[in-house]
């Protein structure tokens, strides 16, 4: 895996900051690590900061990532994803939500934190 993940666990939720190039083959190992680390920490809510991911994913790749998020992170109560405004498509969000996962994509940190805290 070439993605770098930095975790911070707090009392209400955990944060993972992802630094990577936008390659689909890196998404699954990153999500698997997030699943393992959130289970170990007993996390129920997670903020995934994707602002430092370089590049973009096409619509099919985004849908695949949404399905992978469901596969690996459906044990979580809420997952907020933070992306730059120019990368907001909601395709991965829709794919995960279709499966019943409470995943939302945000472009503003404050909005993501507010939603996670509710």
Protein backbone atom coordinates (compact mmCIF):
# COMPACT_ATOMS: atom_id res chain seq x y z
CA UNK A 1 0.00 0.00 0.00
CA UNK A 2 1.42 3.38 -0.93
CA UNK A 3 -1.19 5.42 0.95
CA UNK A 4 -0.07 6.94 4.23
CA UNK A 5 -2.67 6.91 7.01
CA UNK A 6 -2.39 8.93 10.21
CA UNK A 7 -4.93 8.09 12.93
CA UNK A 8 -6.08 10.20 15.86
CA UNK A 9 -8.57 8.64 18.27
CA UNK A 10 -10.76 10.93 20.36
CA UNK A 11 -13.58 10.35 22.82
CA UNK A 12 -16.38 10.98 20.30
CA UNK A 13 -14.82 9.92 17.01
CA UNK A 14 -11.58 9.07 15.27
CA UNK A 15 -9.87 10.89 12.43
CA UNK A 16 -7.75 9.34 9.70
CA UNK A 17 -5.75 11.63 7.45
CA UNK A 18 -4.93 10.03 4.11
CA UNK A 19 -1.96 11.08 2.00
CA UNK A 20 -1.83 9.22 -1.30
CA UNK A 21 -2.04 9.25 -5.04
CA UNK A 22 -5.53 8.48 -6.40
CA UNK A 23 -5.06 4.82 -7.36
CA UNK A 24 -7.95 2.42 -6.92
CA UNK A 25 -5.60 -0.42 -5.97
CA UNK A 26 -4.58 1.58 -2.86
CA UNK A 27 -8.15 2.18 -1.70
CA UNK A 28 -8.93 -1.36 -0.50
CA UNK A 29 -5.81 -1.82 1.66
CA UNK A 30 -6.38 1.66 3.14
CA UNK A 31 -10.00 0.85 3.98
CA UNK A 32 -8.97 -2.52 5.44
CA UNK A 33 -6.50 -0.75 7.73
CA UNK A 34 -9.18 1.77 8.74
CA UNK A 35 -11.49 -1.12 9.63
CA UNK A 36 -8.84 -2.83 11.72
CA UNK A 37 -7.80 0.34 13.55
CA UNK A 38 -11.38 1.50 14.28
CA UNK A 39 -12.30 -1.93 15.63
CA UNK A 40 -9.19 -1.96 17.86
CA UNK A 41 -10.00 1.51 19.21
CA UNK A 42 -13.72 0.82 19.62
CA UNK A 43 -14.52 3.75 17.33
CA UNK A 44 -18.15 4.20 16.28
CA UNK A 45 -17.68 7.40 14.22
CA UNK A 46 -14.89 8.23 11.78
CA UNK A 47 -13.74 11.27 9.82
CA UNK A 48 -11.70 10.39 6.73
CA UNK A 49 -9.70 13.41 5.58
CA UNK A 50 -8.97 12.95 1.86
CA UNK A 51 -7.84 16.51 1.17
CA UNK A 52 -4.24 15.37 0.61
CA UNK A 53 -5.10 12.71 -1.98
CA UNK A 54 -3.53 13.77 -5.25
CA UNK A 55 -5.48 13.09 -8.44
CA UNK A 56 -9.07 12.12 -9.10
CA UNK A 57 -11.15 9.00 -9.49
CA UNK A 58 -13.63 8.49 -12.31
CA UNK A 59 -17.32 7.78 -11.56
CA UNK A 60 -16.95 3.97 -11.74
CA UNK A 61 -13.92 4.06 -9.46
CA UNK A 62 -15.82 6.27 -7.02
CA UNK A 63 -18.72 3.81 -7.02
CA UNK A 64 -16.29 0.98 -6.33
CA UNK A 65 -14.78 2.95 -3.45
CA UNK A 66 -18.27 3.48 -1.99
CA UNK A 67 -18.93 -0.26 -2.13
CA UNK A 68 -15.53 -0.97 -0.56
CA UNK A 69 -16.30 1.56 2.18
CA UNK A 70 -19.49 -0.34 2.92
CA UNK A 71 -17.63 -3.67 2.96
CA UNK A 72 -14.95 -2.49 5.38
CA UNK A 73 -16.57 0.28 7.44
CA UNK A 74 -20.22 -0.75 7.84
CA UNK A 75 -19.50 -1.58 11.50
CA UNK A 76 -19.29 2.17 12.12
CA UNK A 77 -22.29 4.28 13.10
CA UNK A 78 -21.24 7.30 10.99
CA UNK A 79 -18.47 8.00 8.49
CA UNK A 80 -17.72 11.51 7.23
CA UNK A 81 -15.38 11.99 4.31
CA UNK A 82 -13.69 15.35 3.71
CA UNK A 83 -12.72 16.24 0.13
CA UNK A 84 -11.74 19.43 -1.70
CA UNK A 85 -14.74 21.21 -3.30
CA UNK A 86 -13.52 20.48 -6.83
CA UNK A 87 -13.62 16.71 -6.12
CA UNK A 88 -17.14 16.53 -4.68
CA UNK A 89 -19.35 14.20 -6.73
CA UNK A 90 -21.24 12.19 -4.06
CA UNK A 91 -20.92 9.01 -6.17
CA UNK A 92 -19.13 7.03 -3.43
CA UNK A 93 -21.57 8.42 -0.86
CA UNK A 94 -24.56 7.26 -2.91
CA UNK A 95 -23.07 3.78 -3.43
CA UNK A 96 -22.44 3.30 0.30
CA UNK A 97 -25.80 4.77 1.33
CA UNK A 98 -27.63 2.45 -1.10
CA UNK A 99 -26.27 -0.39 1.02
CA UNK A 100 -27.49 1.26 4.23
CA UNK A 101 -24.23 2.83 5.38
CA UNK A 102 -24.33 6.23 7.06
CA UNK A 103 -21.61 7.88 4.94
CA UNK A 104 -21.57 11.54 3.99
CA UNK A 105 -19.04 13.50 1.96
CA UNK A 106 -18.22 17.06 3.00
CA UNK A 107 -16.07 19.89 1.67
CA UNK A 108 -16.01 21.86 4.94
CA UNK A 109 -14.37 20.46 8.08
CA UNK A 110 -16.76 22.25 10.45
CA UNK A 111 -19.80 20.75 8.70
CA UNK A 112 -18.29 17.26 8.85
CA UNK A 113 -17.50 17.62 12.56
CA UNK A 114 -20.99 18.97 13.32
CA UNK A 115 -22.61 16.02 11.54
CA UNK A 116 -20.39 13.48 13.31
CA UNK A 117 -21.21 15.01 16.70
CA UNK A 118 -25.00 14.71 16.25
